[in-house]
Protein backbone atom coordinates (compact mmCIF):
# COMPACT_ATOMS: atom_id res chain seq x y z
CA MET A 1 -7.01 -7.04 3.98
CA ASN A 2 -5.08 -4.90 1.50
CA VAL A 3 -1.90 -5.78 -0.34
CA LYS A 4 0.43 -3.08 -1.67
CA LEU A 5 3.02 -3.99 -4.30
CA THR A 6 5.26 -2.14 -6.70
CA ASP A 7 5.06 -3.22 -10.33
CA THR A 8 8.17 -5.39 -9.86
CA GLN A 9 6.98 -7.38 -6.82
CA ASN A 10 5.15 -10.65 -6.09
CA THR A 11 3.61 -12.19 -2.99
CA THR A 12 1.61 -15.21 -1.88
CA LEU A 13 -1.80 -15.25 -0.23
CA THR A 14 -3.07 -18.21 1.78
CA PHE A 15 -6.80 -18.54 2.41
CA GLY A 16 -8.50 -20.72 5.00
CA THR A 17 -9.97 -24.13 4.25
CA PRO A 18 -13.63 -24.11 3.17
CA THR A 19 -15.99 -24.95 6.04
CA ASP A 20 -19.61 -25.95 6.47
CA LYS A 21 -22.21 -24.13 8.62
CA LYS A 22 -20.77 -25.69 11.78
CA GLY A 23 -17.19 -24.77 10.93
CA ALA A 24 -16.09 -28.28 9.95
CA PRO A 25 -13.79 -28.59 6.90
CA ALA A 26 -15.78 -29.08 3.70
CA GLU A 27 -14.81 -30.15 0.19
CA VAL A 28 -15.19 -27.98 -2.92
CA GLN A 29 -14.56 -28.57 -6.60
CA ASN A 30 -13.39 -26.47 -9.54
CA LEU A 31 -11.33 -24.09 -7.41
CA GLU A 32 -10.54 -20.87 -9.27
CA PHE A 33 -7.99 -18.16 -8.45
CA VAL A 34 -9.60 -14.92 -9.67
CA SER A 35 -8.23 -11.43 -10.35
CA SER A 36 -10.74 -8.68 -11.16
CA ASP A 37 -8.08 -7.12 -13.45
CA PRO A 38 -5.25 -9.42 -14.55
CA ALA A 39 -3.46 -6.44 -16.14
CA VAL A 40 -2.97 -4.99 -12.63
CA ALA A 41 -2.22 -8.27 -10.81
CA SER A 42 -2.39 -11.90 -11.83
CA PHE A 43 -3.44 -14.53 -9.30
CA VAL A 44 -2.46 -18.13 -9.97
CA ALA A 45 -2.80 -21.34 -8.00
CA GLY A 46 -0.14 -22.37 -5.58
CA GLU A 47 -0.42 -25.25 -3.13
CA GLY A 48 -3.81 -25.95 -1.56
CA PHE A 49 -5.63 -22.69 -0.94
CA SER A 50 -2.55 -20.52 -1.52
CA GLY A 51 -2.08 -18.38 -4.59
CA PHE A 52 0.71 -16.36 -6.15
CA VAL A 53 0.02 -12.66 -6.82
CA SER A 54 2.22 -11.03 -9.45
CA ALA A 55 2.04 -7.27 -9.99
CA GLY A 56 1.44 -5.90 -13.46
CA LEU A 57 0.54 -2.33 -14.37
CA PRO A 58 -0.11 0.31 -11.68
CA GLY A 59 -3.72 0.28 -10.50
CA VAL A 60 -6.10 -1.44 -8.09
CA CYS A 61 -7.87 -4.79 -8.36
CA GLU A 62 -9.24 -7.57 -6.17
CA VAL A 63 -8.12 -11.19 -5.93
CA TYR A 64 -10.12 -14.02 -4.40
CA LEU A 65 -10.96 -17.72 -4.54
CA ARG A 66 -14.13 -19.11 -6.09
CA ALA A 67 -15.28 -22.74 -6.00
CA ASP A 68 -18.27 -24.98 -6.51
CA ALA A 69 -19.66 -26.21 -3.17
CA ASP A 70 -22.16 -28.60 -4.84
CA LEU A 71 -20.14 -31.78 -5.28
CA GLY A 72 -22.76 -33.25 -7.62
CA ASP A 73 -23.83 -32.16 -11.09
CA GLY A 74 -25.23 -28.83 -9.90
CA VAL A 75 -23.30 -25.64 -9.27
CA GLU A 76 -23.32 -23.61 -6.05
CA LEU A 77 -20.53 -21.05 -6.16
CA ILE A 78 -18.89 -19.77 -3.00
CA GLU A 79 -16.23 -17.07 -2.78
CA SER A 80 -13.53 -16.20 -0.30
CA VAL A 81 -13.07 -12.74 1.12
CA ARG A 82 -11.83 -10.36 -1.58
CA VAL A 83 -8.37 -8.91 -1.10
CA ALA A 84 -7.62 -5.46 -2.56
CA VAL A 85 -4.31 -5.28 -4.41
CA GLN A 86 -2.79 -1.87 -5.08
CA VAL A 87 0.08 -1.76 -7.56
CA THR A 88 2.26 1.34 -7.82
CA ALA A 89 5.20 2.14 -10.07
CA GLY A 90 8.56 0.91 -8.84
CA LYS A 91 11.54 3.03 -7.86
CA ALA A 92 12.87 5.31 -10.61
CA VAL A 93 16.03 3.95 -12.25
CA SER A 94 16.54 6.35 -15.18
CA PHE A 95 15.09 9.19 -17.24
CA GLY A 96 13.12 7.70 -20.12
CA GLY A 97 13.23 8.81 -23.73
CA GLU A 98 15.30 11.33 -25.60
CA PRO A 99 15.36 15.05 -24.73
CA VAL A 100 13.12 17.25 -26.87
CA GLN A 101 14.48 20.58 -28.04
CA GLY A 102 12.17 23.56 -27.93
CA GLU A 103 11.97 26.44 -30.42
CA VAL A 104 15.21 28.31 -31.10
CA THR A 105 14.86 32.10 -30.63
CA GLU A 106 17.19 35.10 -30.76
CA GLN A 107 18.44 36.59 -27.50
CA ALA A 108 17.17 40.03 -26.60
């Protein structure tokens, strides 16, 4: 899955419930919402296994969930599928900056 956003847009992503080997729902702990480059897109927790993606600077990153499947003292990390997020510049609304004058020369 790929998500395309302009630098002024947001979206939500909802991931499936963690499952065991037989496909039954399974518990996890220490759920993290991860962005490989938060400057391009942040990914923060929503409700359950949903997260809020907010575009930043133009570029590409991945967002995904990570959690500990070992409910005891140990740690066994699992990850969701990684979703590519492409952020592009938004629609032009003005010309930026002041004009720059070039060299003044005499006409021929």
